Amino acid sequence: MSETVLSLTSIKINGSANTQEAAIAETNDLLLAAGAVTNGFLASMLDNEESASTYLGNQVAAPRGSGAGDDAILTPALSVVRYSKPIDWNGEEVRLVVGIAEQTGSDLDLLSKVALLFGDGDVVDKLLHAPSDEAAFALLSGLNEDALNEDALNEDA
């Protein structure tokens, strides 16, 4: 993957939301600030959440827009927000929310990459204990290269 889909400014380890809707809005705000989406993307994310849960397991949810929201995506991107207290996500506890901005049919397949990475409990544990946005970015920067940063993943958290 040659595109940068995750930047340091799109990671926030001290999320402030306390509801599912507010967490989705918080991840959308990071995508908006990165210039990846327009103002209309949040509505698409909320609509998509109504039709299918975006809970991935391991205390992780990955909200994304519906196909109808493709016009609001300017460039593929990810955002990551960590919460100190679990958020109720349709009955599941979530502490990491990964916002995904990717048009339908894209060959980047960001959802699969996110599901694979965050399906690893060790990676999630390291992210839950990362001391800074920079440390979390070091763990996740491999998403920009289509490979995990093995050195960062193998360091003690």
Protein backbone atom coordinates (compact mmCIF):
# COMPACT_ATOMS: atom_id res chain seq x y z
CA MET A 1 0.00 0.00 0.00
CA SER A 2 1.64 3.22 -1.05
CA GLU A 3 -0.94 5.60 0.37
CA THR A 4 -0.61 6.89 3.90
CA VAL A 5 -3.92 5.95 5.50
CA LEU A 6 -2.98 6.61 9.13
CA SER A 7 -1.13 9.64 10.48
CA LEU A 8 -0.07 10.57 13.97
CA THR A 9 -2.67 13.32 14.06
CA SER A 10 -5.40 10.72 13.42
CA ILE A 11 -4.67 8.91 16.70
CA LYS A 12 -6.04 9.99 20.06
CA ILE A 13 -5.31 7.86 23.13
CA ASN A 14 -7.44 9.99 25.44
CA GLY A 15 -10.87 9.88 23.87
CA SER A 16 -13.61 11.85 25.61
CA ALA A 17 -16.78 10.21 24.29
CA ASN A 18 -18.97 8.14 26.60
CA THR A 19 -21.57 6.86 24.13
CA GLN A 20 -21.36 4.90 20.90
CA GLU A 21 -22.67 7.81 18.81
CA ALA A 22 -20.23 10.25 20.40
CA ALA A 23 -17.33 7.83 19.80
CA ILE A 24 -18.28 7.55 16.13
CA ALA A 25 -18.38 11.34 15.92
CA GLU A 26 -14.97 11.56 17.61
CA THR A 27 -13.36 9.22 15.06
CA ASN A 28 -15.10 11.11 12.27
CA ASP A 29 -13.69 14.41 13.60
CA LEU A 30 -10.17 13.02 13.23
CA LEU A 31 -10.91 11.90 9.66
CA LEU A 32 -12.38 15.33 8.92
CA ALA A 33 -9.34 17.12 10.39
CA ALA A 34 -7.08 14.93 8.24
CA GLY A 35 -8.92 16.08 5.13
CA ALA A 36 -10.03 12.53 4.33
CA VAL A 37 -13.79 13.12 4.46
CA THR A 38 -16.36 15.88 4.16
CA ASN A 39 -18.98 16.88 6.72
CA GLY A 40 -21.47 14.39 5.25
CA PHE A 41 -19.45 11.33 6.25
CA LEU A 42 -20.66 11.23 9.87
CA ALA A 43 -24.27 10.68 8.77
CA SER A 44 -23.10 7.80 6.58
CA MET A 45 -21.21 6.24 9.51
CA LEU A 46 -24.24 6.50 11.78
CA ASP A 47 -26.53 5.07 9.08
CA ASN A 48 -24.19 2.13 8.55
CA GLU A 49 -24.09 1.43 12.28
CA GLU A 50 -27.89 1.10 12.32
CA SER A 51 -27.83 -1.62 9.66
CA ALA A 52 -24.86 -3.67 10.92
CA SER A 53 -22.78 -3.66 14.09
CA THR A 54 -19.18 -2.63 13.60
CA TYR A 55 -17.96 -4.41 16.74
CA LEU A 56 -14.91 -6.54 15.84
CA GLY A 57 -14.20 -8.21 19.19
CA ASN A 58 -11.24 -7.62 21.54
CA GLN A 59 -12.86 -4.37 22.77
CA VAL A 60 -12.56 -2.91 19.26
CA ALA A 61 -15.17 -1.35 16.96
CA ALA A 62 -14.51 -0.13 13.42
CA PRO A 63 -17.26 2.24 12.27
CA ARG A 64 -17.26 3.09 8.59
CA GLY A 65 -19.55 4.76 6.13
CA SER A 66 -22.18 3.05 4.07
CA GLY A 67 -21.84 2.84 0.29
CA ALA A 68 -24.12 5.85 0.07
CA GLY A 69 -21.39 7.84 1.83
CA ASP A 70 -18.72 7.23 -0.81
CA ASP A 71 -19.14 10.80 -2.12
CA ALA A 72 -18.05 12.12 1.30
CA ILE A 73 -14.70 10.29 1.16
CA LEU A 74 -11.89 12.37 -0.31
CA THR A 75 -9.06 9.92 0.35
CA PRO A 76 -8.77 6.55 2.12
CA ALA A 77 -7.90 7.00 5.78
CA LEU A 78 -8.08 5.56 9.29
CA SER A 79 -8.48 7.16 12.70
CA VAL A 80 -7.99 5.50 16.08
CA VAL A 81 -9.38 6.61 19.44
CA ARG A 82 -8.77 4.89 22.76
CA TYR A 83 -11.05 5.25 25.77
CA SER A 84 -10.06 4.78 29.40
CA LYS A 85 -13.54 3.51 30.28
CA PRO A 86 -15.42 1.03 28.10
CA ILE A 87 -18.16 2.34 25.84
CA ASP A 88 -21.33 0.28 25.44
CA TRP A 89 -21.38 -0.81 21.78
CA ASN A 90 -24.69 -2.59 21.36
CA GLY A 91 -24.04 -4.62 24.51
CA GLU A 92 -20.30 -5.08 23.97
CA GLU A 93 -17.54 -3.18 25.79
CA VAL A 94 -15.32 -1.12 23.48
CA ARG A 95 -12.13 0.75 24.34
CA LEU A 96 -10.65 1.20 20.86
CA VAL A 97 -12.60 2.74 17.98
CA VAL A 98 -11.10 2.68 14.50
CA GLY A 99 -12.77 4.99 11.99
CA ILE A 100 -12.51 3.75 8.40
CA ALA A 101 -12.91 5.98 5.35
CA GLU A 102 -12.72 3.83 2.25
CA GLN A 103 -14.87 3.85 -0.85
CA THR A 104 -16.85 0.76 -1.77
CA GLY A 105 -14.80 -1.55 -3.99
CA SER A 106 -11.44 -0.03 -3.05
CA ASP A 107 -8.50 -2.37 -3.51
CA LEU A 108 -6.93 -1.25 -0.21
CA ASP A 109 -9.38 -3.41 1.80
CA LEU A 110 -8.79 -1.43 4.98
CA LEU A 111 -11.50 -3.25 6.96
CA SER A 112 -9.73 -6.60 6.46
CA LYS A 113 -6.38 -5.13 7.47
CA VAL A 114 -7.92 -3.53 10.56
CA ALA A 115 -9.76 -6.75 11.50
CA LEU A 116 -6.57 -8.80 11.13
CA LEU A 117 -4.44 -6.40 13.18
CA PHE A 118 -6.97 -5.77 15.94
CA GLY A 119 -7.92 -9.44 16.07
CA ASP A 120 -4.55 -10.02 17.74
CA GLY A 121 -5.12 -9.69 21.49
CA ASP A 122 -1.45 -8.86 22.08
CA VAL A 123 -1.64 -5.89 19.71
CA VAL A 124 -4.83 -4.66 21.39
CA ASP A 125 -3.22 -5.02 24.83
CA LYS A 126 -0.19 -3.00 23.73
CA LEU A 127 -2.47 -0.29 22.31
CA LEU A 128 -4.53 -0.19 25.49
CA HIS A 129 -1.32 0.46 27.42
CA ALA A 130 0.48 2.73 24.94
CA PRO A 131 1.69 5.78 26.90
CA SER A 132 1.26 8.29 24.07
CA ASP A 133 -0.22 8.93 20.64
CA GLU A 134 3.29 8.46 19.27
CA ALA A 135 3.65 5.02 20.86
CA ALA A 136 0.28 3.96 19.46
CA PHE A 137 1.29 5.25 16.03
CA ALA A 138 4.50 3.23 16.15
CA LEU A 139 2.41 0.10 16.74
CA LEU A 140 0.01 0.92 13.91
CA SER A 141 2.26 2.54 11.32
CA GLY A 142 2.54 -0.74 9.45
CA LEU A 143 -1.01 -0.14 8.21
CA ASN A 144 0.60 2.41 5.88
CA GLU A 145 3.04 -0.19 4.52
CA ASP A 146 0.78 -3.22 4.29
CA ALA A 147 2.80 -4.87 7.05
CA LEU A 148 2.93 -4.56 10.82
CA ASN A 149 5.77 -2.80 12.57
CA GLU A 150 7.16 -5.98 14.11
CA ASP A 151 9.82 -4.13 16.13
CA ALA A 152 7.20 -1.97 17.86
CA LEU A 153 4.91 -4.94 18.44
CA ASN A 154 7.68 -6.94 20.08
CA GLU A 155 8.72 -4.18 22.51
CA ASP A 156 7.50 -4.46 26.08
CA ALA A 157 4.45 -2.25 26.62
